Protein backbone atom coordinates (compact mmCIF):
# COMPACT_ATOMS: atom_id res chain seq x y z
CA MET A 1 -0.03 -0.02 -0.03
CA THR A 2 1.43 3.41 -0.96
CA THR A 3 0.79 6.64 0.70
CA THR A 4 0.29 10.07 -0.94
CA SER A 5 2.69 12.69 0.45
CA ALA A 6 1.47 16.14 1.13
CA GLU A 7 5.01 17.54 0.90
CA PRO A 8 7.21 16.37 -1.97
CA GLY A 9 4.85 17.66 -4.66
CA ALA A 10 1.49 17.34 -6.25
CA GLY A 11 0.85 14.21 -8.17
CA HIS A 12 3.59 12.19 -6.61
CA VAL A 13 2.96 8.94 -4.82
CA THR A 14 5.78 8.27 -2.38
CA ALA A 15 7.50 5.08 -1.62
CA ARG A 16 6.27 3.84 1.65
CA PRO A 17 7.99 5.81 4.46
CA ARG A 18 8.27 2.72 6.57
CA ARG A 19 9.99 0.83 3.77
CA ALA A 20 12.55 3.63 3.39
CA ALA A 21 13.13 3.72 7.16
CA VAL A 22 13.65 -0.01 7.38
CA ALA A 23 15.90 -0.06 4.37
CA SER A 24 17.94 2.71 6.01
CA PHE A 25 18.06 0.91 9.28
CA VAL A 26 19.31 -2.31 7.80
CA GLY A 27 21.76 -0.75 5.44
CA SER A 28 23.28 1.41 8.18
CA ALA A 29 23.48 -1.54 10.52
CA LEU A 30 25.48 -3.56 8.05
CA GLU A 31 27.65 -0.62 7.07
CA TYR A 32 28.47 0.37 10.55
CA TYR A 33 29.18 -3.17 11.56
CA ASP A 34 32.17 -2.78 9.35
CA PHE A 35 33.16 0.47 10.77
CA PHE A 36 32.80 -0.52 14.47
CA ILE A 37 34.80 -3.70 14.28
CA TYR A 38 37.84 -1.65 13.39
CA GLY A 39 37.44 0.45 16.48
CA THR A 40 37.31 -2.61 18.67
CA ALA A 41 40.28 -4.21 16.98
CA ALA A 42 42.25 -0.89 17.31
CA ALA A 43 41.52 -0.83 21.03
CA LEU A 44 42.25 -4.60 21.70
CA VAL A 45 44.73 -6.12 19.24
CA PHE A 46 46.19 -3.77 16.53
CA ASN A 47 48.90 -2.45 18.86
CA LYS A 48 50.19 -5.96 19.29
CA ILE A 49 50.15 -7.10 15.56
CA PHE A 50 50.71 -3.97 13.50
CA PHE A 51 52.86 -1.77 15.80
CA THR A 52 55.07 -4.28 17.56
CA ALA A 53 58.28 -2.30 16.94
CA ALA A 54 57.05 0.37 19.44
CA ASP A 55 56.80 0.14 23.13
CA PRO A 56 53.48 -0.98 24.41
CA ALA A 57 52.19 2.61 25.32
CA THR A 58 53.35 4.00 21.98
CA GLY A 59 51.78 1.09 20.09
CA THR A 60 48.45 1.71 21.73
CA LEU A 61 48.57 5.41 20.74
CA LEU A 62 49.50 4.49 17.19
CA ALA A 63 46.73 1.91 16.95
CA LEU A 64 44.15 4.38 18.27
CA ALA A 65 45.57 6.95 15.65
CA THR A 66 44.68 4.58 12.82
CA PHE A 67 41.00 4.57 14.13
CA GLY A 68 41.18 8.40 13.76
CA VAL A 69 42.73 8.17 10.32
CA GLY A 70 39.45 6.81 8.98
CA TYR A 71 37.84 10.13 9.96
CA VAL A 72 40.48 12.09 7.84
CA ALA A 73 38.96 10.73 4.72
CA ARG A 74 35.48 11.63 5.74
CA PRO A 75 35.50 15.39 5.03
CA ILE A 76 37.23 14.79 1.64
CA GLY A 77 34.73 11.98 0.72
CA ALA A 78 31.79 14.19 1.79
CA PHE A 79 32.53 16.65 -0.94
CA PHE A 80 32.54 13.75 -3.52
CA MET A 81 29.55 11.94 -2.02
CA GLY A 82 27.56 15.16 -1.61
CA HIS A 83 27.99 16.25 -5.11
CA ILE A 84 26.93 12.76 -6.44
CA GLY A 85 24.03 12.45 -4.04
CA ASP A 86 22.61 15.76 -4.78
CA LYS A 87 23.11 15.60 -8.54
CA TYR A 88 22.36 11.99 -9.29
CA GLY A 89 20.23 10.78 -6.34
CA ARG A 90 20.36 9.18 -2.89
CA LYS A 91 20.14 5.62 -4.07
CA THR A 92 23.35 5.83 -6.05
CA ILE A 93 25.34 6.87 -3.07
CA LEU A 94 23.75 4.30 -0.69
CA ILE A 95 24.79 1.42 -2.86
CA PHE A 96 28.32 2.75 -3.62
CA THR A 97 29.12 3.44 0.11
CA LEU A 98 28.05 -0.10 1.16
CA THR A 99 30.08 -1.87 -1.55
CA LEU A 100 33.24 0.23 -0.78
CA MET A 101 32.95 -0.34 2.93
CA GLY A 102 32.53 -4.13 2.61
CA ALA A 103 35.41 -4.54 0.29
CA ALA A 104 37.77 -2.46 2.57
CA THR A 105 36.73 -4.36 5.59
CA PHE A 106 37.26 -7.69 4.02
CA LEU A 107 40.80 -6.73 2.91
CA VAL A 108 41.79 -5.66 6.44
CA GLY A 109 41.23 -9.12 7.51
CA CYS A 110 43.51 -10.34 4.69
CA LEU A 111 46.51 -8.20 5.73
CA PRO A 112 49.80 -9.72 6.78
CA THR A 113 51.09 -8.46 10.22
CA TYR A 114 54.18 -6.27 11.01
CA GLY A 115 56.04 -9.50 11.81
CA GLN A 116 55.46 -10.75 8.28
CA ILE A 117 56.08 -7.73 6.00
CA GLY A 118 57.39 -5.10 8.47
CA VAL A 119 56.32 -1.42 7.94
CA TRP A 120 54.18 -2.22 5.01
CA ALA A 121 51.64 -3.81 7.28
CA PRO A 122 50.57 -0.61 9.11
CA ILE A 123 50.83 1.45 5.83
CA LEU A 124 48.34 -0.84 4.18
CA LEU A 125 46.16 -0.83 7.25
CA VAL A 126 45.99 2.96 7.03
CA VAL A 127 45.11 2.84 3.39
CA LEU A 128 42.21 0.58 3.97
CA ARG A 129 41.01 2.62 6.97
CA LEU A 130 40.99 5.72 4.73
CA LEU A 131 38.74 3.77 2.28
CA GLN A 132 36.46 2.96 5.07
CA GLY A 133 36.31 6.57 6.00
CA PHE A 134 35.64 7.60 2.50
CA SER A 135 32.70 5.26 2.39
CA ALA A 136 31.26 6.25 5.75
CA SER A 137 31.30 9.94 4.61
CA GLY A 138 28.15 9.43 2.49
CA GLU A 139 26.41 6.81 4.36
CA GLN A 140 24.53 8.60 7.17
CA ALA A 141 23.92 11.77 5.05
CA GLY A 142 22.44 9.64 2.15
CA ALA A 143 20.32 7.49 4.41
CA ASN A 144 19.01 10.51 6.47
CA SER A 145 18.20 12.38 3.23
CA LEU A 146 16.32 9.32 1.90
CA THR A 147 14.09 8.81 4.99
CA LEU A 148 13.59 12.64 5.53
CA GLU A 149 12.41 13.17 2.00
CA HIS A 150 10.06 10.19 2.29
CA ALA A 151 8.54 10.97 5.73
CA PRO A 152 5.37 12.84 6.50
CA GLN A 153 5.97 16.37 7.88
CA HIS A 154 4.84 15.74 11.44
CA ARG A 155 7.03 12.61 11.82
CA ARG A 156 10.27 13.41 10.00
CA SER A 157 12.31 13.18 13.20
CA PHE A 158 10.85 9.72 14.03
CA PHE A 159 11.54 8.29 10.61
CA THR A 160 14.97 9.69 10.18
CA SER A 161 15.95 8.27 13.53
CA PHE A 162 15.94 4.81 12.10
CA THR A 163 19.29 5.51 10.38
CA LEU A 164 20.91 6.09 13.79
CA SER A 165 19.18 3.05 15.30
CA GLY A 166 20.69 1.12 12.43
CA THR A 167 24.06 2.31 13.56
CA GLN A 168 23.45 0.90 17.01
CA ALA A 169 22.39 -2.33 15.47
CA GLY A 170 25.67 -2.35 13.69
CA LEU A 171 27.50 -1.72 16.99
CA ILE A 172 25.63 -4.67 18.52
CA LEU A 173 26.61 -7.01 15.62
CA ALA A 174 30.16 -5.94 15.78
CA SER A 175 30.44 -6.38 19.57
CA ALA A 176 28.56 -9.66 19.39
CA VAL A 177 31.12 -10.89 16.93
CA TRP A 178 34.10 -9.69 19.05
CA ILE A 179 32.79 -11.18 22.27
CA PRO A 180 33.62 -14.84 21.39
CA VAL A 181 36.67 -13.75 19.46
CA SER A 182 38.21 -11.90 22.27
CA ALA A 183 37.69 -14.86 24.50
CA LEU A 184 40.14 -16.95 22.42
CA PRO A 185 43.62 -17.73 23.91
CA GLN A 186 45.92 -14.80 23.32
CA ASP A 187 48.03 -16.49 20.70
CA GLN A 188 44.98 -17.67 18.69
CA LEU A 189 43.39 -14.19 18.96
CA LEU A 190 46.55 -12.52 17.61
CA THR A 191 47.22 -14.95 14.80
CA TRP A 192 43.88 -15.73 13.18
CA GLY A 193 41.02 -14.96 15.57
CA TRP A 194 41.09 -11.13 14.96
CA ARG A 195 40.56 -11.71 11.18
CA ILE A 196 37.13 -13.35 11.54
CA PRO A 197 35.01 -10.14 12.07
CA PHE A 198 36.76 -8.52 9.00
CA TYR A 199 36.12 -11.60 6.77
CA LEU A 200 32.41 -11.21 7.50
CA GLY A 201 32.57 -7.91 5.88
CA LEU A 202 32.22 -9.63 2.54
CA VAL A 203 28.87 -11.15 3.64
CA VAL A 204 27.84 -7.83 4.93
CA MET A 205 28.47 -6.23 1.51
CA ILE A 206 26.43 -8.97 -0.32
CA VAL A 207 23.48 -8.71 2.00
CA GLY A 208 23.42 -4.82 1.99
CA TYR A 209 23.56 -4.68 -1.73
CA LEU A 210 20.62 -7.02 -2.22
CA ILE A 211 18.57 -4.81 0.16
CA ARG A 212 19.53 -1.34 -1.22
CA ARG A 213 19.18 -1.97 -4.81
CA THR A 214 15.42 -2.23 -4.27
CA LEU A 215 15.16 1.27 -2.92
CA ASP A 216 13.03 3.93 -4.65
CA GLU A 217 14.40 7.40 -5.23
CA THR A 218 12.90 10.09 -3.07
CA PRO A 219 9.78 11.94 -4.42
CA ALA A 220 11.43 15.31 -3.61
CA PHE A 221 14.49 14.55 -5.65
CA THR A 222 12.40 12.95 -8.46
CA GLU A 223 10.29 16.21 -8.62
CA GLU A 224 13.54 18.19 -8.99
CA LYS A 225 14.59 16.12 -11.96
CA GLU A 226 11.23 16.56 -13.57
CA GLN A 227 11.12 20.28 -13.09
CA ASN A 228 14.90 20.63 -14.01
CA THR A 229 15.85 22.39 -10.70
CA VAL A 230 18.55 19.76 -9.80
CA ALA A 231 21.70 21.92 -9.07
CA LYS A 232 24.34 21.70 -11.76
CA MET A 233 27.01 22.32 -9.08
CA PRO A 234 25.58 21.45 -5.69
CA LEU A 235 28.64 22.41 -3.84
CA ALA A 236 28.85 25.93 -5.33
CA GLU A 237 25.21 26.50 -4.34
CA LEU A 238 25.82 25.05 -0.85
CA PHE A 239 28.66 27.48 -0.01
CA ARG A 240 26.99 30.39 -1.74
CA HIS A 241 23.86 30.26 0.27
CA ASN A 242 24.31 27.87 3.21
CA TRP A 243 27.99 28.12 4.35
CA ALA A 244 26.93 29.19 7.85
CA ASP A 245 24.61 26.21 8.17
CA VAL A 246 27.52 23.93 7.21
CA LEU A 247 29.69 25.48 9.94
CA LYS A 248 26.87 25.10 12.66
CA VAL A 249 26.49 21.47 11.61
CA ALA A 250 30.23 20.83 11.77
CA LEU A 251 30.56 22.39 15.22
CA SER A 252 27.44 20.56 16.48
CA SER A 253 28.86 17.29 15.32
CA LEU A 254 31.77 17.61 17.74
CA VAL A 255 29.35 15.96 20.22
CA SER A 256 30.33 12.60 18.60
CA THR A 257 33.45 12.96 20.80
CA VAL A 258 31.20 11.18 23.34
CA SER A 259 30.76 8.21 21.08
CA THR A 260 34.42 7.90 20.15
CA VAL A 261 35.84 8.46 23.68
CA PHE A 262 33.30 5.95 25.15
CA GLY A 263 33.78 3.27 22.22
CA VAL A 264 37.58 3.46 21.82
CA PHE A 265 39.46 5.41 24.52
CA ALA A 266 37.45 4.10 27.43
CA LEU A 267 37.60 0.51 26.13
CA SER A 268 41.38 0.74 25.86
CA PHE A 269 41.78 2.57 29.11
CA ALA A 270 39.66 -0.01 31.00
CA THR A 271 41.28 -3.13 29.45
CA ASN A 272 44.89 -2.08 29.01
CA THR A 273 45.40 0.36 31.94
CA VAL A 274 42.82 -0.62 34.61
CA GLY A 275 42.72 -4.28 33.76
CA VAL A 276 38.89 -4.60 33.43
CA ASP A 277 37.87 -7.77 31.60
CA ARG A 278 37.61 -7.38 27.88
CA SER A 279 34.32 -9.29 27.61
CA ALA A 280 32.68 -7.12 30.35
CA MET A 281 33.51 -3.92 28.34
CA LEU A 282 32.25 -5.49 25.14
CA TRP A 283 29.11 -6.52 26.88
CA LEU A 284 28.51 -2.96 28.12
CA SER A 285 28.77 -1.82 24.55
CA VAL A 286 26.13 -4.35 23.39
CA THR A 287 23.84 -3.58 26.30
CA ALA A 288 24.18 0.27 25.85
CA ALA A 289 23.48 -0.18 22.08
CA ALA A 290 20.39 -2.37 22.73
CA VAL A 291 19.00 0.35 25.09
CA ALA A 292 19.70 2.88 22.45
CA LEU A 293 17.55 1.13 19.90
CA VAL A 294 14.56 2.14 22.03
CA SER A 295 15.76 5.54 23.40
CA ILE A 296 16.69 6.82 20.00
CA THR A 297 13.24 6.46 18.49
CA ALA A 298 11.66 7.74 21.78
CA TRP A 299 13.77 10.88 21.78
CA ALA A 300 13.05 11.41 18.07
CA ALA A 301 9.26 11.05 18.61
CA LEU A 302 9.45 13.65 21.46
CA ALA A 303 11.31 16.06 19.12
CA ASP A 304 8.42 15.76 16.66
CA ARG A 305 6.11 17.17 19.43
CA ILE A 306 8.17 19.73 21.20
CA GLY A 307 10.85 20.66 18.79
CA ARG A 308 14.35 19.52 17.68
CA LYS A 309 16.67 21.91 19.61
CA LYS A 310 15.41 21.30 23.18
CA VAL A 311 15.85 17.61 22.83
CA TYR A 312 19.11 17.83 20.97
CA ILE A 313 20.85 20.21 23.49
CA PHE A 314 19.75 18.12 26.40
CA GLY A 315 21.52 15.11 24.89
CA VAL A 316 24.58 17.11 24.02
CA LEU A 317 25.26 18.68 27.48
CA GLY A 318 23.84 15.65 29.55
CA SER A 319 26.17 13.18 27.86
CA GLY A 320 29.04 15.48 28.25
CA ILE A 321 28.51 15.81 31.91
CA LEU A 322 28.01 12.05 32.39
CA MET A 323 31.42 11.34 30.94
CA PHE A 324 32.93 12.27 34.39
CA PRO A 325 31.10 9.64 36.52
CA TYR A 326 31.49 7.11 33.73
CA LEU A 327 35.27 7.44 33.49
CA ALA A 328 35.59 7.59 37.24
CA SER A 329 33.76 4.19 37.48
CA VAL A 330 36.06 2.89 34.81
CA SER A 331 39.09 4.00 36.77
CA SER A 332 37.63 2.31 39.85
CA GLY A 333 37.38 -0.99 38.08
CA GLN A 334 33.95 -1.59 39.53
CA VAL A 335 31.95 -3.24 36.78
CA PRO A 336 28.45 -2.52 38.23
CA LEU A 337 29.17 1.19 38.33
CA ILE A 338 30.70 1.02 34.87
CA PHE A 339 27.49 -0.55 33.51
CA LEU A 340 25.33 2.02 35.45
CA PHE A 341 26.94 5.14 34.11
CA GLY A 342 27.79 3.60 30.75
CA ILE A 343 24.23 2.80 30.01
CA LEU A 344 22.89 6.02 31.31
CA MET A 345 25.30 8.05 29.35
CA SER A 346 25.76 6.02 26.07
CA GLY A 347 22.41 4.10 26.06
CA ILE A 348 20.02 6.83 27.09
CA VAL A 349 21.25 10.50 27.34
CA TYR A 350 23.59 10.62 24.44
CA HIS A 351 20.90 9.49 22.05
CA ALA A 352 18.62 12.43 22.76
CA GLN A 353 20.87 14.18 20.26
CA ASN A 354 21.67 11.13 18.19
CA GLY A 355 17.96 10.47 17.48
CA VAL A 356 17.28 14.23 16.52
CA PHE A 357 20.46 15.27 14.49
CA PRO A 358 19.36 13.38 11.38
CA ALA A 359 16.32 15.59 11.09
CA LEU A 360 17.77 18.75 12.69
CA TYR A 361 20.75 18.85 10.36
CA GLY A 362 19.02 17.78 7.23
CA GLU A 363 16.22 20.37 7.75
CA GLN A 364 18.70 23.18 7.67
CA PHE A 365 19.07 22.67 3.97
CA SER A 366 16.85 22.53 0.82
CA THR A 367 16.56 19.37 -1.27
CA GLN A 368 19.09 20.79 -3.77
CA VAL A 369 22.00 20.74 -1.32
CA ARG A 370 20.69 18.65 1.57
CA LEU A 371 23.02 15.54 1.14
CA SER A 372 26.01 17.90 0.54
CA GLY A 373 25.38 20.10 3.45
CA THR A 374 24.75 17.30 5.97
CA ALA A 375 27.59 15.15 4.65
CA ILE A 376 30.19 17.85 4.65
CA GLY A 377 29.15 19.48 7.99
CA THR A 378 28.95 16.26 9.85
CA GLN A 379 32.07 14.66 8.48
CA ILE A 380 34.17 17.65 9.39
CA GLY A 381 32.94 17.37 13.11
CA PHE A 382 33.23 13.64 12.99
CA ALA A 383 36.83 13.85 11.65
CA ILE A 384 37.85 15.91 14.64
CA ALA A 385 35.98 13.70 17.10
CA GLY A 386 37.71 10.64 15.47
CA PHE A 387 41.00 11.78 16.76
CA MET A 388 39.69 12.58 20.29
CA PRO A 389 40.46 9.03 21.72
CA SER A 390 44.17 9.53 20.80
CA VAL A 391 44.13 13.00 22.29
CA ALA A 392 42.38 11.60 25.33
CA ALA A 393 44.94 8.86 25.66
CA GLY A 394 47.72 11.35 25.38
CA ILE A 395 46.57 13.56 28.15
CA SER A 396 45.38 10.89 30.50
CA SER A 397 47.43 8.65 32.87
CA ALA A 398 47.08 5.67 35.07
CA SER A 399 47.38 7.80 38.24
CA PRO A 400 44.32 8.43 40.44
CA GLY A 401 42.34 11.08 38.64
CA GLY A 402 44.31 10.58 35.47
CA TRP A 403 41.01 10.14 33.58
CA VAL A 404 39.84 13.65 34.28
CA PRO A 405 41.49 15.45 31.37
CA ALA A 406 39.76 13.04 28.96
CA ALA A 407 36.37 13.75 30.51
CA ALA A 408 37.06 17.52 30.48
CA LEU A 409 38.04 17.28 26.84
CA THR A 410 34.71 15.59 25.98
CA LEU A 411 32.63 18.19 27.93
CA THR A 412 34.37 20.93 26.18
CA CYS A 413 33.42 19.57 22.74
CA CYS A 414 29.88 19.13 23.99
CA VAL A 415 29.69 22.75 25.08
CA VAL A 416 30.79 23.93 21.65
CA ALA A 417 28.27 21.68 20.08
CA ALA A 418 25.42 22.94 22.10
CA LEU A 419 26.27 26.55 21.36
CA ALA A 420 26.27 25.81 17.67
CA ALA A 421 22.92 24.10 17.87
CA LEU A 422 21.46 27.14 19.61
CA GLY A 423 22.04 29.11 16.45
CA MET A 424 20.24 26.67 14.19
CA ARG A 425 16.70 27.26 12.86
CA GLU A 426 13.89 25.31 14.60
CA THR A 427 12.30 23.43 11.83
CA TYR A 428 9.98 20.85 13.18
CA ARG A 429 6.88 22.66 11.89
CA THR A 430 8.40 23.80 8.58
CA PRO A 431 7.08 22.08 5.41
CA LEU A 432 9.81 20.24 3.36
CA LYS A 433 9.55 22.74 0.44
CA GLU A 434 10.34 25.63 2.72
CA LEU A 435 13.38 24.18 4.35
CA GLY A 436 16.83 25.62 3.74
CA GLY A 437 16.37 29.33 3.76
CA ALA A 438 18.41 30.91 1.03
CA GLY A 439 19.05 27.56 -0.65
CA ARG A 440 15.51 27.07 -1.86
CA PRO A 441 14.99 26.47 -5.60
CA GLU A 442 13.83 30.11 -6.39
CA LYS A 443 17.16 31.31 -5.18
CA LEU A 444 19.27 29.10 -7.45
CA ASP A 445 21.19 30.73 -10.32
CA THR A 446 19.47 30.18 -13.69
CA THR A 447 22.63 28.34 -14.81
CA THR A 448 21.83 25.47 -12.47
CA LYS A 449 18.25 25.13 -13.89
CA THR A 450 19.15 22.79 -16.69
CA GLY A 451 18.43 19.29 -17.58
CA ARG A 452 21.93 18.66 -18.89
CA SER A 453 24.26 16.39 -16.94
CA ALA A 454 27.72 17.56 -15.97
C-alpha cells in the first residue's frame, strides 16, 4: 500500500515511508558493523600485531590513531559523495558506500602483520582505513536524506532516527562478533582470531547490496529532476547560500566525541590500563546499544512534538557531563558502576541528540543541497572527534584522577556543539519545500536550472 505525501509535490505517490526507514536501518546496521569492528580491533589487538616495533604505550597510541585516520577521509569523501548524491540521487550513493565499505573491511582481514612484512603492514592498514572513512562519509547523509524526503512532515524526526538506530544495531553486531573472538587464547586471537570479524565484511556487503538495490528514489529529488531544478554544481550553491549552516552542523557534530571516547578510549583505558575484563566492556557496548535502539526513536518522537533543539541540546550537555562519573567508574574498576553510568550516558542521554540530529541537520538545507550540506558538515565534525580518543589517551594517565583530562576534553566539545545548535533554525513545523532558507529552488542561479548532466 502506498501513501500520498503532502510535501514532496502534487501528483507524486511516495515510496512507503516505513520501507524507506527500514531499508536505511538495515543498510546502516550492515555498514556500521564494518566501521565499528575496526574501532574494537584498534583498542584490543592492533597495537600487538601492527605496531610491535614500538613500546606498548606508543603502540596503543598508534593503533588508536589509525582509528582516527578513517575520519580524515570523511570530509574529503563528503565533498565527492555530496555532489553525486545531490546531482544523481540518494540511491546511487547508498549502494556505492556499502560496496566500498564491505570490500575495504574484508581486505583488512587479509592483511599480513608487522612480523610478516614489516612497515608495509601498518601502511596498508592505514590505506584501507582511509577507504572505510571515504565510504562512511556518504552513508549517514544519504540514508538520512532518503528517509527525511519520504517521511510525513509531522514525523520526520521519528523516521530519520531509524538510520541512527541502524548504527546501534551495527555496533551490537560488531560487539557480538568480538565477544567470542576476544575470549580466544591470546596466541589464537593475535594470529587468526582477529581476522574473523573482518572476513564477515564480505557477507555484509552482499546482503546490503541486495537490500539497497530495491530502494526507490525520493519523491522530492524525483520532482527536482522533472522540473529541471537539480543543481548543476551543488557544492557551489551550498557554499554560496548555506556556508553558515554547514559551519553550525560541523561544530554541532563535535558531540560525537562522546561516542568515540566511550567506544575506543574508554575501552582501551579499561582493558589495558585498569585491567577490566575485555568481555565485560564489550558486553557494556552491546547492552548500551540495545537500550539505544529504544531511546533513539523515543527521543526522536518527542522532538516531533516539542521541537528539535530542546531535545538535542539536552542530549549534548547531558552526555558530556555524564562522561565524568563514567570514566571515574572505569578508573575504579567496579563493573556494576561502569554498567550503570555507561548505559545511562551512552544508552540513554547521548541518544537524545543522536535520535534528533538526522532531522535537525537535514532540515537546515533545501533538497538541492541537503546531502552535500549534511555530509560535509557532519564529516568535518566527526573527523575531529575521530582523533579525540588519541588525544584523550595522550593527556590521561594511570594515576588516580588521570582520567579527568579526557572527561574535560569531552565536555568541552559538547559545550561547543550545544552553542552551535542554539544558532540553528527550529524546523519541526516547517514544510519540506520551505526548508533551507536561501538555498530554496527560487534562489538558485539560472545556470543551475538545466536538464543537462555535467
